[in-house]
Amino acid sequence: MTHAILRIDASARRTGSVSRDLADKIIARFGDDITVTTRDLANGLPLIDEEWVGANFTPADARSDDQKAKLALSDDLVAELKAADTIVIGLPIYNFGVPAALKAWVDQVARAGVTFQYSEYGPKGLLDGKRAIVVVASGGTEAGSDIDFATGYIRHVLAFIGITEVDFVAADRMMIDADATLKSANTQVEALTIAA
């Protein structure tokens, strides 16, 4: 059975990007029986606005054509997530957090009644049964440290929509010792358990 991968690149750099290079290596480990959908966020995504919010909170069967058009990109992004078995996210840390384009992607896919729902016990993610592999790259921020506001955020967001199996590959603190960092990151890639 073909394994479906959704690749999300959040680095603003298309060449010389550590997170993109490591994502390539991770995807190669899955072998040939895969389909890969790539969502490159380098050019950004539209921010949600009042019209988007209004359309999102209008019942689907009551939406106008303009509201449907307003949500069309969001619907496409959600469909990509739903179709994927594994999500590979290239996550550079910019100024201690996630790139703005990745936050915009989160805002487009975190939709009540679509990717999560509220219950008497609180929110419940609707995209369970999927795995995410997140490649974290940074110049000086240590992944998991007190000044890293990116990895905890993306783990929480993924769990919020139901994706709780999350692995991290850290290529952090590249400006301090790039060679050692890349060696460690490549070792982490090789250590990932890849389902057949």
N, C-alpha and C. Protein backbone atom coordinates (compact mmCIF):
# COMPACT_ATOMS: atom_id res chain seq x y z
N MET A 1 0.84 -1.19 0.00
CA MET A 1 0.00 0.00 0.00
C MET A 1 0.88 1.25 0.00
N THR A 2 0.56 2.19 -0.86
CA THR A 2 1.33 3.41 -0.98
C THR A 2 1.18 4.28 0.28
N HIS A 3 2.30 4.78 0.75
CA HIS A 3 2.32 5.63 1.95
C HIS A 3 2.25 7.09 1.50
N ALA A 4 1.26 7.82 2.01
CA ALA A 4 1.06 9.22 1.61
C ALA A 4 1.76 10.15 2.59
N ILE A 5 2.62 11.00 2.05
CA ILE A 5 3.37 11.96 2.86
C ILE A 5 2.98 13.37 2.46
N LEU A 6 2.70 14.20 3.45
CA LEU A 6 2.52 15.63 3.24
C LEU A 6 3.77 16.32 3.75
N ARG A 7 4.44 17.01 2.85
CA ARG A 7 5.66 17.74 3.21
C ARG A 7 5.33 19.23 3.29
N ILE A 8 5.67 19.83 4.42
CA ILE A 8 5.44 21.26 4.62
C ILE A 8 6.80 21.92 4.86
N ASP A 9 7.18 22.78 3.94
CA ASP A 9 8.44 23.51 4.08
C ASP A 9 8.14 24.93 4.53
N ALA A 10 8.66 25.30 5.69
CA ALA A 10 8.39 26.64 6.23
C ALA A 10 9.58 27.57 6.13
N SER A 11 10.72 27.08 5.63
CA SER A 11 11.89 27.94 5.51
C SER A 11 11.69 28.95 4.39
N ALA A 12 12.08 30.19 4.65
CA ALA A 12 12.02 31.22 3.63
C ALA A 12 13.08 30.99 2.56
N ARG A 13 14.09 30.18 2.89
CA ARG A 13 15.17 29.90 1.95
C ARG A 13 14.87 28.61 1.18
N ARG A 14 14.97 28.69 -0.14
CA ARG A 14 14.78 27.49 -0.96
C ARG A 14 16.11 26.80 -1.25
N THR A 15 17.22 27.54 -1.20
CA THR A 15 18.54 26.94 -1.38
C THR A 15 19.33 27.15 -0.11
N GLY A 16 20.11 26.15 0.24
CA GLY A 16 20.92 26.24 1.45
C GLY A 16 20.14 26.09 2.74
N SER A 17 18.92 25.56 2.65
CA SER A 17 18.09 25.39 3.84
C SER A 17 18.37 24.05 4.51
N VAL A 18 18.76 24.09 5.75
CA VAL A 18 19.03 22.88 6.51
C VAL A 18 17.75 22.06 6.70
N SER A 19 16.64 22.73 7.02
CA SER A 19 15.40 21.98 7.25
C SER A 19 14.92 21.31 5.97
N ARG A 20 15.08 21.96 4.82
CA ARG A 20 14.68 21.35 3.55
C ARG A 20 15.57 20.15 3.21
N ASP A 21 16.88 20.30 3.42
CA ASP A 21 17.80 19.20 3.12
C ASP A 21 17.50 17.98 3.99
N LEU A 22 17.26 18.21 5.27
CA LEU A 22 16.97 17.08 6.16
C LEU A 22 15.61 16.46 5.85
N ALA A 23 14.63 17.27 5.46
CA ALA A 23 13.34 16.73 5.05
C ALA A 23 13.50 15.81 3.84
N ASP A 24 14.37 16.21 2.90
CA ASP A 24 14.67 15.34 1.75
C ASP A 24 15.15 13.97 2.21
N LYS A 25 16.09 13.98 3.16
CA LYS A 25 16.67 12.72 3.65
C LYS A 25 15.64 11.87 4.38
N ILE A 26 14.77 12.52 5.15
CA ILE A 26 13.72 11.77 5.85
C ILE A 26 12.78 11.10 4.86
N ILE A 27 12.34 11.84 3.88
CA ILE A 27 11.39 11.30 2.90
C ILE A 27 12.04 10.17 2.11
N ALA A 28 13.34 10.30 1.79
CA ALA A 28 14.04 9.24 1.06
C ALA A 28 14.05 7.93 1.85
N ARG A 29 14.02 8.02 3.17
CA ARG A 29 14.04 6.81 4.00
C ARG A 29 12.77 5.99 3.86
N PHE A 30 11.68 6.59 3.36
CA PHE A 30 10.43 5.86 3.22
C PHE A 30 10.41 4.95 1.99
N GLY A 31 11.42 5.06 1.14
CA GLY A 31 11.49 4.18 -0.03
C GLY A 31 10.70 4.73 -1.20
N ASP A 32 10.36 3.82 -2.12
CA ASP A 32 9.74 4.22 -3.38
C ASP A 32 8.22 4.18 -3.38
N ASP A 33 7.63 3.38 -2.50
CA ASP A 33 6.17 3.20 -2.54
C ASP A 33 5.47 4.30 -1.74
N ILE A 34 5.69 5.54 -2.19
CA ILE A 34 5.12 6.70 -1.50
C ILE A 34 4.55 7.68 -2.51
N THR A 35 3.64 8.49 -2.03
CA THR A 35 3.23 9.69 -2.76
C THR A 35 3.55 10.87 -1.86
N VAL A 36 4.08 11.93 -2.44
CA VAL A 36 4.46 13.09 -1.65
C VAL A 36 3.73 14.32 -2.19
N THR A 37 2.99 14.96 -1.31
CA THR A 37 2.38 16.24 -1.61
C THR A 37 3.20 17.30 -0.89
N THR A 38 3.67 18.29 -1.63
CA THR A 38 4.51 19.33 -1.03
C THR A 38 3.75 20.64 -0.94
N ARG A 39 3.79 21.22 0.24
CA ARG A 39 3.20 22.54 0.47
C ARG A 39 4.36 23.45 0.90
N ASP A 40 4.82 24.28 -0.04
CA ASP A 40 5.94 25.18 0.22
C ASP A 40 5.38 26.52 0.68
N LEU A 41 5.73 26.91 1.90
CA LEU A 41 5.20 28.14 2.48
C LEU A 41 6.12 29.34 2.31
N ALA A 42 7.17 29.19 1.48
CA ALA A 42 8.15 30.27 1.35
C ALA A 42 7.53 31.59 0.89
N ASN A 43 6.48 31.51 0.10
CA ASN A 43 5.82 32.74 -0.36
C ASN A 43 4.69 33.18 0.57
N GLY A 44 4.53 32.48 1.67
CA GLY A 44 3.50 32.84 2.65
C GLY A 44 2.12 32.33 2.27
N LEU A 45 1.20 32.52 3.17
CA LEU A 45 -0.21 32.18 2.97
C LEU A 45 -1.03 33.39 3.39
N PRO A 46 -2.25 33.52 2.86
CA PRO A 46 -3.09 34.63 3.32
C PRO A 46 -3.41 34.49 4.80
N LEU A 47 -3.43 35.61 5.49
CA LEU A 47 -3.83 35.59 6.89
C LEU A 47 -5.35 35.52 6.96
N ILE A 48 -5.84 34.87 8.01
CA ILE A 48 -7.29 34.86 8.18
C ILE A 48 -7.75 36.26 8.55
N ASP A 49 -8.96 36.60 8.12
CA ASP A 49 -9.50 37.93 8.39
C ASP A 49 -10.97 37.79 8.79
N GLU A 50 -11.64 38.92 8.93
CA GLU A 50 -13.03 38.89 9.40
C GLU A 50 -13.93 38.09 8.45
N GLU A 51 -13.73 38.24 7.16
CA GLU A 51 -14.55 37.50 6.20
C GLU A 51 -14.32 36.00 6.31
N TRP A 52 -13.05 35.61 6.50
CA TRP A 52 -12.71 34.19 6.66
C TRP A 52 -13.39 33.63 7.90
N VAL A 53 -13.28 34.35 9.01
CA VAL A 53 -13.88 33.89 10.26
C VAL A 53 -15.39 33.75 10.10
N GLY A 54 -16.02 34.74 9.47
CA GLY A 54 -17.46 34.68 9.24
C GLY A 54 -17.85 33.47 8.40
N ALA A 55 -17.07 33.20 7.35
CA ALA A 55 -17.36 32.05 6.48
C ALA A 55 -17.16 30.75 7.24
N ASN A 56 -16.10 30.69 8.03
CA ASN A 56 -15.79 29.47 8.77
C ASN A 56 -16.89 29.13 9.78
N PHE A 57 -17.48 30.15 10.40
CA PHE A 57 -18.50 29.89 11.41
C PHE A 57 -19.92 29.87 10.85
N THR A 58 -20.04 29.96 9.54
CA THR A 58 -21.33 29.77 8.88
C THR A 58 -21.46 28.28 8.55
N PRO A 59 -22.58 27.64 8.89
CA PRO A 59 -22.73 26.22 8.56
C PRO A 59 -22.44 25.98 7.07
N ALA A 60 -21.79 24.87 6.77
CA ALA A 60 -21.33 24.60 5.41
C ALA A 60 -22.46 24.68 4.39
N ASP A 61 -23.64 24.18 4.75
CA ASP A 61 -24.75 24.17 3.79
C ASP A 61 -25.42 25.54 3.63
N ALA A 62 -24.99 26.52 4.44
CA ALA A 62 -25.57 27.86 4.36
C ALA A 62 -24.58 28.90 3.81
N ARG A 63 -23.39 28.48 3.42
CA ARG A 63 -22.39 29.42 2.95
C ARG A 63 -22.71 29.94 1.55
N SER A 64 -22.45 31.22 1.37
CA SER A 64 -22.61 31.83 0.05
C SER A 64 -21.45 31.39 -0.84
N ASP A 65 -21.55 31.67 -2.12
CA ASP A 65 -20.45 31.35 -3.04
C ASP A 65 -19.18 32.10 -2.64
N ASP A 66 -19.33 33.36 -2.21
CA ASP A 66 -18.17 34.13 -1.77
C ASP A 66 -17.52 33.51 -0.53
N GLN A 67 -18.34 33.01 0.38
CA GLN A 67 -17.80 32.37 1.59
C GLN A 67 -17.09 31.07 1.24
N LYS A 68 -17.67 30.31 0.33
CA LYS A 68 -17.02 29.07 -0.11
C LYS A 68 -15.67 29.37 -0.75
N ALA A 69 -15.63 30.43 -1.56
CA ALA A 69 -14.38 30.83 -2.20
C ALA A 69 -13.35 31.27 -1.15
N LYS A 70 -13.83 31.95 -0.11
CA LYS A 70 -12.93 32.44 0.94
C LYS A 70 -12.27 31.27 1.67
N LEU A 71 -12.98 30.15 1.80
CA LEU A 71 -12.47 28.98 2.52
C LEU A 71 -11.82 27.95 1.61
N ALA A 72 -11.76 28.22 0.31
CA ALA A 72 -11.28 27.21 -0.65
C ALA A 72 -9.85 26.77 -0.34
N LEU A 73 -8.95 27.71 -0.08
CA LEU A 73 -7.57 27.35 0.22
C LEU A 73 -7.51 26.54 1.51
N SER A 74 -8.22 26.98 2.53
CA SER A 74 -8.26 26.26 3.80
C SER A 74 -8.76 24.83 3.58
N ASP A 75 -9.81 24.69 2.78
CA ASP A 75 -10.34 23.35 2.48
C ASP A 75 -9.28 22.48 1.81
N ASP A 76 -8.51 23.08 0.89
CA ASP A 76 -7.44 22.33 0.21
C ASP A 76 -6.36 21.90 1.21
N LEU A 77 -5.96 22.80 2.10
CA LEU A 77 -4.93 22.49 3.09
C LEU A 77 -5.39 21.39 4.04
N VAL A 78 -6.65 21.45 4.45
CA VAL A 78 -7.21 20.41 5.32
C VAL A 78 -7.26 19.07 4.58
N ALA A 79 -7.66 19.10 3.32
CA ALA A 79 -7.72 17.86 2.52
C ALA A 79 -6.34 17.22 2.40
N GLU A 80 -5.29 18.04 2.26
CA GLU A 80 -3.93 17.50 2.20
C GLU A 80 -3.57 16.80 3.51
N LEU A 81 -3.94 17.41 4.62
CA LEU A 81 -3.68 16.79 5.93
C LEU A 81 -4.43 15.47 6.08
N LYS A 82 -5.71 15.49 5.71
CA LYS A 82 -6.53 14.29 5.88
C LYS A 82 -6.02 13.14 5.02
N ALA A 83 -5.47 13.44 3.84
CA ALA A 83 -5.01 12.39 2.92
C ALA A 83 -3.67 11.80 3.32
N ALA A 84 -2.94 12.47 4.21
CA ALA A 84 -1.57 12.04 4.55
C ALA A 84 -1.55 11.01 5.65
N ASP A 85 -0.61 10.08 5.52
CA ASP A 85 -0.30 9.15 6.61
C ASP A 85 0.75 9.77 7.54
N THR A 86 1.72 10.44 6.92
CA THR A 86 2.82 11.08 7.64
C THR A 86 2.96 12.51 7.17
N ILE A 87 3.18 13.42 8.11
CA ILE A 87 3.42 14.82 7.80
C ILE A 87 4.86 15.13 8.17
N VAL A 88 5.65 15.61 7.21
CA VAL A 88 7.04 16.00 7.45
C VAL A 88 7.09 17.52 7.39
N ILE A 89 7.46 18.13 8.51
CA ILE A 89 7.45 19.60 8.60
C ILE A 89 8.88 20.10 8.78
N GLY A 90 9.31 20.96 7.87
CA GLY A 90 10.58 21.65 8.02
C GLY A 90 10.34 22.93 8.80
N LEU A 91 10.86 22.98 10.02
CA LEU A 91 10.56 24.09 10.94
C LEU A 91 11.82 24.83 11.35
N PRO A 92 12.17 25.90 10.64
CA PRO A 92 13.24 26.74 11.15
C PRO A 92 12.71 27.60 12.29
N ILE A 93 13.54 27.86 13.26
CA ILE A 93 13.15 28.74 14.35
C ILE A 93 13.57 30.16 13.99
N TYR A 94 12.57 31.04 13.86
CA TYR A 94 12.83 32.45 13.57
C TYR A 94 12.50 33.27 14.80
N ASN A 95 13.49 33.95 15.33
CA ASN A 95 13.26 34.83 16.49
C ASN A 95 12.53 34.10 17.62
N PHE A 96 13.00 32.87 17.88
CA PHE A 96 12.55 32.03 18.99
C PHE A 96 11.20 31.34 18.75
N GLY A 97 10.57 31.56 17.62
CA GLY A 97 9.26 30.95 17.36
C GLY A 97 9.16 30.39 15.96
N VAL A 98 7.94 30.03 15.56
CA VAL A 98 7.72 29.48 14.22
C VAL A 98 7.65 30.62 13.20
N PRO A 99 8.02 30.35 11.95
CA PRO A 99 7.87 31.37 10.92
C PRO A 99 6.41 31.79 10.78
N ALA A 100 6.20 33.04 10.41
CA ALA A 100 4.84 33.56 10.26
C ALA A 100 4.02 32.74 9.27
N ALA A 101 4.67 32.25 8.21
CA ALA A 101 3.94 31.46 7.21
C ALA A 101 3.41 30.16 7.81
N LEU A 102 4.17 29.55 8.73
CA LEU A 102 3.70 28.32 9.36
C LEU A 102 2.54 28.61 10.31
N LYS A 103 2.61 29.74 11.01
CA LYS A 103 1.48 30.13 11.87
C LYS A 103 0.24 30.37 11.01
N ALA A 104 0.42 30.98 9.84
CA ALA A 104 -0.72 31.20 8.94
C ALA A 104 -1.31 29.87 8.48
N TRP A 105 -0.45 28.87 8.23
CA TRP A 105 -0.92 27.53 7.85
C TRP A 105 -1.74 26.92 9.00
N VAL A 106 -1.24 27.05 10.22
CA VAL A 106 -1.97 26.53 11.39
C VAL A 106 -3.35 27.18 11.46
N ASP A 107 -3.41 28.48 11.29
CA ASP A 107 -4.70 29.17 11.37
C ASP A 107 -5.67 28.69 10.29
N GLN A 108 -5.14 28.30 9.14
CA GLN A 108 -5.99 27.82 8.05
C GLN A 108 -6.50 26.40 8.28
N VAL A 109 -5.75 25.57 9.03
CA VAL A 109 -6.15 24.16 9.18
C VAL A 109 -6.80 23.83 10.52
N ALA A 110 -6.64 24.67 11.53
CA ALA A 110 -7.25 24.40 12.84
C ALA A 110 -8.68 24.93 12.82
N ARG A 111 -9.61 24.07 12.44
CA ARG A 111 -11.00 24.49 12.24
C ARG A 111 -11.95 23.61 13.05
N ALA A 112 -12.72 24.27 13.91
CA ALA A 112 -13.70 23.56 14.75
C ALA A 112 -14.69 22.82 13.84
N GLY A 113 -14.92 21.57 14.17
CA GLY A 113 -15.86 20.75 13.42
C GLY A 113 -15.25 20.12 12.18
N VAL A 114 -14.01 20.50 11.87
CA VAL A 114 -13.34 19.96 10.67
C VAL A 114 -12.09 19.17 11.07
N THR A 115 -11.19 19.81 11.82
CA THR A 115 -9.98 19.11 12.28
C THR A 115 -9.96 18.90 13.80
N PHE A 116 -10.87 19.56 14.49
CA PHE A 116 -11.06 19.30 15.92
C PHE A 116 -12.51 19.63 16.26
N GLN A 117 -12.95 19.14 17.41
CA GLN A 117 -14.30 19.47 17.86
C GLN A 117 -14.30 19.66 19.37
N TYR A 118 -15.25 20.46 19.83
CA TYR A 118 -15.39 20.67 21.26
C TYR A 118 -16.40 19.67 21.82
N SER A 119 -16.12 19.22 23.04
CA SER A 119 -17.03 18.31 23.72
C SER A 119 -17.10 18.73 25.18
N GLU A 120 -17.90 18.03 25.94
CA GLU A 120 -18.00 18.36 27.37
C GLU A 120 -16.67 18.13 28.09
N TYR A 121 -15.77 17.38 27.45
CA TYR A 121 -14.47 17.10 28.06
C TYR A 121 -13.36 17.99 27.49
N GLY A 122 -13.74 18.96 26.65
CA GLY A 122 -12.76 19.84 26.03
C GLY A 122 -12.56 19.50 24.57
N PRO A 123 -11.58 20.14 23.93
CA PRO A 123 -11.37 19.89 22.50
C PRO A 123 -10.82 18.50 22.23
N LYS A 124 -11.21 17.95 21.07
CA LYS A 124 -10.72 16.63 20.65
C LYS A 124 -10.30 16.73 19.19
N GLY A 125 -9.06 16.32 18.92
CA GLY A 125 -8.56 16.33 17.55
C GLY A 125 -9.23 15.26 16.71
N LEU A 126 -9.43 15.56 15.44
CA LEU A 126 -10.14 14.64 14.54
C LEU A 126 -9.21 13.97 13.53
N LEU A 127 -7.91 14.26 13.59
CA LEU A 127 -6.97 13.71 12.61
C LEU A 127 -6.07 12.66 13.24
N ASP A 128 -6.64 11.80 14.07
CA ASP A 128 -5.82 10.79 14.73
C ASP A 128 -5.36 9.73 13.73
N GLY A 129 -4.39 8.92 14.16
CA GLY A 129 -3.87 7.86 13.32
C GLY A 129 -2.78 8.31 12.36
N LYS A 130 -2.30 9.53 12.52
CA LYS A 130 -1.25 10.05 11.65
C LYS A 130 0.03 10.29 12.47
N ARG A 131 1.13 10.40 11.76
CA ARG A 131 2.41 10.67 12.39
C ARG A 131 2.99 11.94 11.81
N ALA A 132 3.70 12.70 12.63
CA ALA A 132 4.42 13.87 12.15
C ALA A 132 5.89 13.73 12.51
N ILE A 133 6.73 14.15 11.58
CA ILE A 133 8.17 14.25 11.82
C ILE A 133 8.54 15.71 11.56
N VAL A 134 9.07 16.35 12.58
CA VAL A 134 9.37 17.78 12.51
C VAL A 134 10.88 17.98 12.53
N VAL A 135 11.39 18.62 11.49
CA VAL A 135 12.80 18.98 11.42
C VAL A 135 12.96 20.40 11.94
N VAL A 136 13.68 20.54 13.03
CA VAL A 136 13.88 21.85 13.65
C VAL A 136 15.29 22.33 13.33
N ALA A 137 15.39 23.52 12.75
CA ALA A 137 16.70 24.11 12.46
C ALA A 137 16.77 25.49 13.10
N SER A 138 17.92 25.80 13.67
CA SER A 138 18.08 27.13 14.27
C SER A 138 19.54 27.55 14.23
N GLY A 139 19.74 28.85 14.28
CA GLY A 139 21.09 29.38 14.33
C GLY A 139 21.67 29.29 15.72
N GLY A 140 20.88 29.68 16.73
CA GLY A 140 21.41 29.71 18.09
C GLY A 140 20.47 29.21 19.16
N THR A 141 19.20 29.03 18.82
CA THR A 141 18.23 28.58 19.81
C THR A 141 18.30 27.07 19.98
N GLU A 142 18.52 26.62 21.20
CA GLU A 142 18.56 25.19 21.47
C GLU A 142 17.13 24.64 21.55
N ALA A 143 16.87 23.61 20.77
CA ALA A 143 15.54 23.00 20.78
C ALA A 143 15.22 22.48 22.18
N GLY A 144 14.02 22.79 22.65
CA GLY A 144 13.59 22.34 23.97
C GLY A 144 14.04 23.23 25.11
N SER A 145 14.77 24.29 24.80
CA SER A 145 15.24 25.19 25.87
C SER A 145 14.15 26.19 26.23
N ASP A 146 14.43 26.97 27.25
CA ASP A 146 13.47 27.97 27.72
C ASP A 146 13.18 29.06 26.68
N ILE A 147 14.09 29.24 25.72
CA ILE A 147 13.87 30.27 24.71
C ILE A 147 13.34 29.70 23.39
N ASP A 148 13.04 28.41 23.38
CA ASP A 148 12.46 27.77 22.19
C ASP A 148 10.94 27.79 22.33
N PHE A 149 10.29 28.67 21.59
CA PHE A 149 8.83 28.76 21.62
C PHE A 149 8.22 28.13 20.36
N ALA A 150 9.02 27.38 19.61
CA ALA A 150 8.57 26.77 18.36
C ALA A 150 8.19 25.31 18.53
N THR A 151 9.06 24.51 19.14
CA THR A 151 8.81 23.06 19.17
C THR A 151 7.62 22.71 20.06
N GLY A 152 7.52 23.33 21.22
CA GLY A 152 6.37 23.07 22.09
C GLY A 152 5.07 23.50 21.44
N TYR A 153 5.13 24.62 20.74
CA TYR A 153 3.94 25.12 20.05
C TYR A 153 3.48 24.15 18.97
N ILE A 154 4.40 23.69 18.11
CA ILE A 154 3.97 22.82 17.02
C ILE A 154 3.52 21.48 17.55
N ARG A 155 4.15 20.98 18.62
CA ARG A 155 3.68 19.73 19.23
C ARG A 155 2.25 19.89 19.76
N HIS A 156 1.99 21.02 20.42
CA HIS A 156 0.66 21.26 20.97
C HIS A 156 -0.38 21.39 19.87
N VAL A 157 -0.07 22.15 18.82
CA VAL A 157 -1.00 22.34 17.71
C VAL A 157 -1.33 21.01 17.04
N LEU A 158 -0.31 20.20 16.79
CA LEU A 158 -0.54 18.91 16.15
C LEU A 158 -1.43 18.02 17.03
N ALA A 159 -1.15 18.00 18.33
CA ALA A 159 -1.99 17.20 19.24
C ALA A 159 -3.41 17.74 19.28
N PHE A 160 -3.56 19.04 19.19
CA PHE A 160 -4.87 19.68 19.23
C PHE A 160 -5.75 19.19 18.09
N ILE A 161 -5.15 18.92 16.92
CA ILE A 161 -5.93 18.41 15.79
C ILE A 161 -5.86 16.89 15.68
N GLY A 162 -5.26 16.24 16.68
CA GLY A 162 -5.32 14.79 16.76
C GLY A 162 -4.05 14.05 16.41
N ILE A 163 -2.98 14.76 16.07
CA ILE A 163 -1.72 14.10 15.68
C ILE A 163 -0.79 14.09 16.88
N THR A 164 -0.76 12.96 17.58
CA THR A 164 0.01 12.88 18.83
C THR A 164 1.32 12.12 18.67
N GLU A 165 1.49 11.41 17.58
CA GLU A 165 2.76 10.71 17.32
C GLU A 165 3.67 11.68 16.58
N VAL A 166 4.56 12.33 17.32
CA VAL A 166 5.40 13.38 16.75
C VAL A 166 6.87 13.11 17.11
N ASP A 167 7.71 13.03 16.08
CA ASP A 167 9.15 12.88 16.27
C ASP A 167 9.83 14.17 15.85
N PHE A 168 10.88 14.54 16.56
CA PHE A 168 11.65 15.72 16.22
C PHE A 168 13.06 15.34 15.81
N VAL A 169 13.57 15.99 14.78
CA VAL A 169 14.97 15.91 14.39
C VAL A 169 15.52 17.32 14.57
N ALA A 170 16.50 17.48 15.44
CA ALA A 170 17.00 18.82 15.78
C ALA A 170 18.34 19.11 15.12
N ALA A 171 18.35 20.15 14.32
CA ALA A 171 19.59 20.72 13.79
C ALA A 171 19.67 22.14 14.35
N ASP A 172 19.78 22.19 15.66
CA ASP A 172 19.73 23.48 16.34
C ASP A 172 21.14 24.01 16.62
N ARG A 173 21.21 25.29 16.83
CA ARG A 173 22.46 25.97 17.16
C ARG A 173 23.52 25.83 16.05
N MET A 174 23.07 25.97 14.81
CA MET A 174 23.95 25.84 13.65
C MET A 174 25.09 26.86 13.66
N MET A 175 24.86 28.03 14.22
CA MET A 175 25.89 29.07 14.23
C MET A 175 27.00 28.77 15.23
N ILE A 176 26.80 27.80 16.09
CA ILE A 176 27.78 27.50 17.12
C ILE A 176 28.75 26.43 16.66
N ASP A 177 28.21 25.32 16.10
CA ASP A 177 29.06 24.25 15.58
C ASP A 177 28.28 23.52 14.50
N ALA A 178 28.33 24.05 13.29
CA ALA A 178 27.51 23.51 12.20
C ALA A 178 27.85 22.06 11.89
N ASP A 179 29.12 21.71 11.88
CA ASP A 179 29.50 20.34 11.52
C ASP A 179 28.95 19.33 12.52
N ALA A 180 29.14 19.60 13.80
CA ALA A 180 28.64 18.69 14.83
C ALA A 180 27.13 18.63 14.82
N THR A 181 26.48 19.78 14.59
CA THR A 181 25.02 19.82 14.57
C THR A 181 24.47 18.99 13.42
N LEU A 182 25.04 19.14 12.22
CA LEU A 182 24.57 18.37 11.07
C LEU A 182 24.84 16.89 11.24
N LYS A 183 25.97 16.55 11.82
CA LYS A 183 26.27 15.13 12.07
C LYS A 183 25.23 14.54 13.01
N SER A 184 24.90 15.27 14.07
CA SER A 184 23.89 14.80 15.02
C SER A 184 22.53 14.67 14.36
N ALA A 185 22.16 15.67 13.55
CA ALA A 185 20.86 15.64 12.89
C ALA A 185 20.75 14.46 11.93
N ASN A 186 21.81 14.20 11.17
CA ASN A 186 21.80 13.06 10.25
C ASN A 186 21.71 11.73 10.99
N THR A 187 22.35 11.65 12.16
CA THR A 187 22.23 10.46 12.99
C THR A 187 20.79 10.29 13.46
N GLN A 188 20.14 11.39 13.83
CA GLN A 188 18.74 11.33 14.25
C GLN A 188 17.84 10.86 13.11
N VAL A 189 18.12 11.33 11.90
CA VAL A 189 17.33 10.90 10.73
C VAL A 189 17.46 9.39 10.55
N GLU A 190 18.67 8.89 10.63
CA GLU A 190 18.91 7.46 10.44
C GLU A 190 18.26 6.62 11.55
N ALA A 191 18.11 7.21 12.72
CA ALA A 191 17.53 6.48 13.86
C ALA A 191 16.01 6.44 13.83
N LEU A 192 15.38 7.23 12.95
CA LEU A 192 13.92 7.24 12.89
C LEU A 192 13.37 5.86 12.51
N THR A 193 12.34 5.45 13.18
CA THR A 193 11.65 4.22 12.80
C THR A 193 10.73 4.54 11.64
N ILE A 194 10.93 3.86 10.53
CA ILE A 194 10.13 4.08 9.34
C ILE A 194 9.25 2.85 9.12
N ALA A 195 7.95 3.06 9.17
CA ALA A 195 7.00 1.94 8.98
C ALA A 195 7.06 1.47 7.54
N ALA A 196 6.93 0.18 7.37
CA ALA A 196 6.96 -0.40 6.02
C ALA A 196 5.68 -0.08 5.28
